[in-house]
Amino acid sequence: MEPDAWPDTASARARRKLQAEFAAQDAAEEEADLLWLLASDQGRRVVWRKLSRAHVFRSAFDPEPVRMAFVLGQREDGLRLVEAVSRYPKALALMMEEANERERTRNAILERASDSD
């Protein structure tokens, strides 16, 4: 039965109150988990990979409609994660800096390797 369909009885009110408390606990736990994840280099790398694989940083266009629908579904999930991480702008900025530094380092190594050929 949907919450709005419950009769206005003492037990129904108690049930709605418990569900609201559970929802608040879940939200607080999710926030604490995100903070824990963003507090470490490893956690930020996990989040960055998830965002990258979710097509958040590139176009989701694909000429094949079914493939594009799939990619857009992944992107929607990634955008939810961006929204959550955006509540912590310092962590987001640090995560971006770390990812950019990894990319610069790898590009420099690749460039040196191609120069030695």
C-alpha atoms as a PDB file:
ATOM      1  CA  MET A   1       0.000   0.000   0.000  1.00  0.00           C
ATOM      2  CA  GLU A   2       1.328   3.438  -0.892  1.00  0.00           C
ATOM      3  CA  PRO A   3       2.037   5.790   2.061  1.00  0.00           C
ATOM      4  CA  ASP A   4      -0.606   8.293   0.908  1.00  0.00           C
ATOM      5  CA  ALA A   5      -3.187   5.514   0.845  1.00  0.00           C
ATOM      6  CA  TRP A   6      -2.683   4.545   4.477  1.00  0.00           C
ATOM      7  CA  PRO A   7      -5.555   5.445   6.729  1.00  0.00           C
ATOM      8  CA  ASP A   8      -4.931   8.151   9.286  1.00  0.00           C
ATOM      9  CA  THR A   9      -4.627   5.845  12.262  1.00  0.00           C
ATOM     10  CA  ALA A  10      -2.086   5.795  15.052  1.00  0.00           C
ATOM     11  CA  SER A  11      -0.357   2.741  13.563  1.00  0.00           C
ATOM     12  CA  ALA A  12      -0.264   4.343  10.097  1.00  0.00           C
ATOM     13  CA  ARG A  13       1.231   7.534  11.531  1.00  0.00           C
ATOM     14  CA  ALA A  14       3.808   5.493  13.436  1.00  0.00           C
ATOM     15  CA  ARG A  15       4.674   3.597  10.263  1.00  0.00           C
ATOM     16  CA  ARG A  16       5.097   6.835   8.266  1.00  0.00           C
ATOM     17  CA  LYS A  17       7.288   8.250  11.035  1.00  0.00           C
ATOM     18  CA  LEU A  18       9.488   5.148  11.005  1.00  0.00           C
ATOM     19  CA  GLN A  19       9.802   5.275   7.222  1.00  0.00           C
ATOM     20  CA  ALA A  20      10.838   8.934   7.411  1.00  0.00           C
ATOM     21  CA  GLU A  21      13.441   8.049  10.044  1.00  0.00           C
ATOM     22  CA  PHE A  22      14.761   5.212   7.880  1.00  0.00           C
ATOM     23  CA  ALA A  23      14.998   7.555   4.880  1.00  0.00           C
ATOM     24  CA  ALA A  24      16.918  10.109   6.969  1.00  0.00           C
ATOM     25  CA  GLN A  25      19.275   7.381   8.231  1.00  0.00           C
ATOM     26  CA  ASP A  26      19.859   6.154   4.677  1.00  0.00           C
ATOM     27  CA  ALA A  27      20.632   9.688   3.460  1.00  0.00           C
ATOM     28  CA  ALA A  28      23.056  10.314   6.333  1.00  0.00           C
ATOM     29  CA  GLU A  29      24.761   6.976   5.737  1.00  0.00           C
ATOM     30  CA  GLU A  30      25.087   7.653   2.009  1.00  0.00           C
ATOM     31  CA  GLU A  31      26.632  11.061   2.731  1.00  0.00           C
ATOM     32  CA  ALA A  32      29.090   9.566   5.239  1.00  0.00           C
ATOM     33  CA  ASP A  33      30.036   6.841   2.753  1.00  0.00           C
ATOM     34  CA  LEU A  34      30.703   9.426   0.044  1.00  0.00           C
ATOM     35  CA  LEU A  35      32.878  11.501   2.384  1.00  0.00           C
ATOM     36  CA  TRP A  36      34.817   8.379   3.333  1.00  0.00           C
ATOM     37  CA  LEU A  37      35.342   7.558  -0.344  1.00  0.00           C
ATOM     38  CA  LEU A  38      36.474  11.078  -1.244  1.00  0.00           C
ATOM     39  CA  ALA A  39      38.910  11.211   1.692  1.00  0.00           C
ATOM     40  CA  SER A  40      41.448   8.895   0.048  1.00  0.00           C
ATOM     41  CA  ASP A  41      43.416   8.882  -3.192  1.00  0.00           C
ATOM     42  CA  GLN A  42      42.050   5.434  -3.965  1.00  0.00           C
ATOM     43  CA  GLY A  43      38.462   6.504  -3.358  1.00  0.00           C
ATOM     44  CA  ARG A  44      38.794   9.554  -5.589  1.00  0.00           C
ATOM     45  CA  ARG A  45      40.269   7.372  -8.341  1.00  0.00           C
ATOM     46  CA  VAL A  46      37.308   4.986  -8.048  1.00  0.00           C
ATOM     47  CA  VAL A  47      34.869   7.898  -8.349  1.00  0.00           C
ATOM     48  CA  TRP A  48      36.782   9.390 -11.297  1.00  0.00           C
ATOM     49  CA  ARG A  49      36.775   6.064 -13.161  1.00  0.00           C
ATOM     50  CA  LYS A  50      33.052   5.687 -12.519  1.00  0.00           C
ATOM     51  CA  LEU A  51      32.413   9.194 -13.890  1.00  0.00           C
ATOM     52  CA  SER A  52      34.629   8.588 -16.919  1.00  0.00           C
ATOM     53  CA  ARG A  53      32.985   5.272 -17.750  1.00  0.00           C
ATOM     54  CA  ALA A  54      29.560   6.875 -17.384  1.00  0.00           C
ATOM     55  CA  HIS A  55      30.273   9.211 -20.336  1.00  0.00           C
ATOM     56  CA  VAL A  56      29.941  12.275 -18.093  1.00  0.00           C
ATOM     57  CA  PHE A  57      32.876  14.058 -19.738  1.00  0.00           C
ATOM     58  CA  ARG A  58      32.002  13.393 -23.375  1.00  0.00           C
ATOM     59  CA  SER A  59      29.071  13.321 -25.722  1.00  0.00           C
ATOM     60  CA  ALA A  60      26.614  10.477 -25.387  1.00  0.00           C
ATOM     61  CA  PHE A  61      25.637  10.706 -29.064  1.00  0.00           C
ATOM     62  CA  ASP A  62      25.656   7.491 -31.039  1.00  0.00           C
ATOM     63  CA  PRO A  63      24.026   7.054 -34.468  1.00  0.00           C
ATOM     64  CA  GLU A  64      22.655   3.716 -33.237  1.00  0.00           C
ATOM     65  CA  PRO A  65      19.554   4.604 -31.143  1.00  0.00           C
ATOM     66  CA  VAL A  66      19.697   1.544 -28.885  1.00  0.00           C
ATOM     67  CA  ARG A  67      23.378   2.116 -28.101  1.00  0.00           C
ATOM     68  CA  MET A  68      22.715   5.795 -27.426  1.00  0.00           C
ATOM     69  CA  ALA A  69      19.858   4.912 -25.066  1.00  0.00           C
ATOM     70  CA  PHE A  70      22.192   2.577 -23.184  1.00  0.00           C
ATOM     71  CA  VAL A  71      24.917   5.226 -22.941  1.00  0.00           C
ATOM     72  CA  LEU A  72      22.402   7.833 -21.786  1.00  0.00           C
ATOM     73  CA  GLY A  73      21.311   5.487 -19.012  1.00  0.00           C
ATOM     74  CA  GLN A  74      24.917   5.144 -17.883  1.00  0.00           C
ATOM     75  CA  ARG A  75      25.344   8.903 -18.128  1.00  0.00           C
ATOM     76  CA  GLU A  76      22.290   9.525 -15.950  1.00  0.00           C
ATOM     77  CA  ASP A  77      23.838   7.389 -13.231  1.00  0.00           C
ATOM     78  CA  GLY A  78      27.102   9.293 -13.599  1.00  0.00           C
ATOM     79  CA  LEU A  79      25.339  12.641 -13.389  1.00  0.00           C
ATOM     80  CA  ARG A  80      23.764  11.581 -10.090  1.00  0.00           C
ATOM     81  CA  LEU A  81      27.270  10.885  -8.814  1.00  0.00           C
ATOM     82  CA  VAL A  82      28.479  14.279 -10.097  1.00  0.00           C
ATOM     83  CA  GLU A  83      25.603  15.908  -8.226  1.00  0.00           C
ATOM     84  CA  ALA A  84      26.580  14.127  -5.008  1.00  0.00           C
ATOM     85  CA  VAL A  85      30.303  14.881  -5.343  1.00  0.00           C
ATOM     86  CA  SER A  86      29.561  18.514  -6.236  1.00  0.00           C
ATOM     87  CA  ARG A  87      28.412  19.057  -2.663  1.00  0.00           C
ATOM     88  CA  TYR A  88      32.125  18.860  -1.817  1.00  0.00           C
ATOM     89  CA  PRO A  89      33.795  21.283  -4.250  1.00  0.00           C
ATOM     90  CA  LYS A  90      37.266  20.944  -2.697  1.00  0.00           C
ATOM     91  CA  ALA A  91      37.185  17.167  -3.094  1.00  0.00           C
ATOM     92  CA  LEU A  92      35.882  17.521  -6.653  1.00  0.00           C
ATOM     93  CA  ALA A  93      38.641  19.995  -7.536  1.00  0.00           C
ATOM     94  CA  LEU A  94      41.288  17.746  -5.965  1.00  0.00           C
ATOM     95  CA  MET A  95      39.945  14.719  -7.817  1.00  0.00           C
ATOM     96  CA  MET A  96      40.102  16.627 -11.116  1.00  0.00           C
ATOM     97  CA  GLU A  97      43.645  17.858 -10.402  1.00  0.00           C
ATOM     98  CA  GLU A  98      44.785  14.322  -9.600  1.00  0.00           C
ATOM     99  CA  ALA A  99      43.225  12.941 -12.782  1.00  0.00           C
ATOM    100  CA  ASN A 100      44.792  15.697 -14.885  1.00  0.00           C
ATOM    101  CA  GLU A 101      48.195  15.066 -13.303  1.00  0.00           C
ATOM    102  CA  ARG A 102      47.931  11.328 -14.047  1.00  0.00           C
ATOM    103  CA  GLU A 103      47.050  12.164 -17.653  1.00  0.00           C
ATOM    104  CA  ARG A 104      49.962  14.625 -18.005  1.00  0.00           C
ATOM    105  CA  THR A 105      52.399  12.104 -16.533  1.00  0.00           C
ATOM    106  CA  ARG A 106      51.238   9.344 -18.851  1.00  0.00           C
ATOM    107  CA  ASN A 107      51.355  11.623 -21.882  1.00  0.00           C
ATOM    108  CA  ALA A 108      54.912  12.673 -21.016  1.00  0.00           C
ATOM    109  CA  ILE A 109      55.988   9.037 -20.677  1.00  0.00           C
ATOM    110  CA  LEU A 110      54.372   8.158 -24.009  1.00  0.00           C
ATOM    111  CA  GLU A 111      56.042  11.134 -25.668  1.00  0.00           C
ATOM    112  CA  ARG A 112      59.466  10.138 -24.342  1.00  0.00           C
ATOM    113  CA  ALA A 113      58.885   6.563 -25.505  1.00  0.00           C
ATOM    114  CA  SER A 114      58.005   7.706 -29.024  1.00  0.00           C
ATOM    115  CA  ASP A 115      61.035  10.052 -29.124  1.00  0.00           C
ATOM    116  CA  SER A 116      63.370   7.132 -28.467  1.00  0.00           C
ATOM    117  CA  ASP A 117      62.196   5.292 -31.603  1.00  0.00           C
END
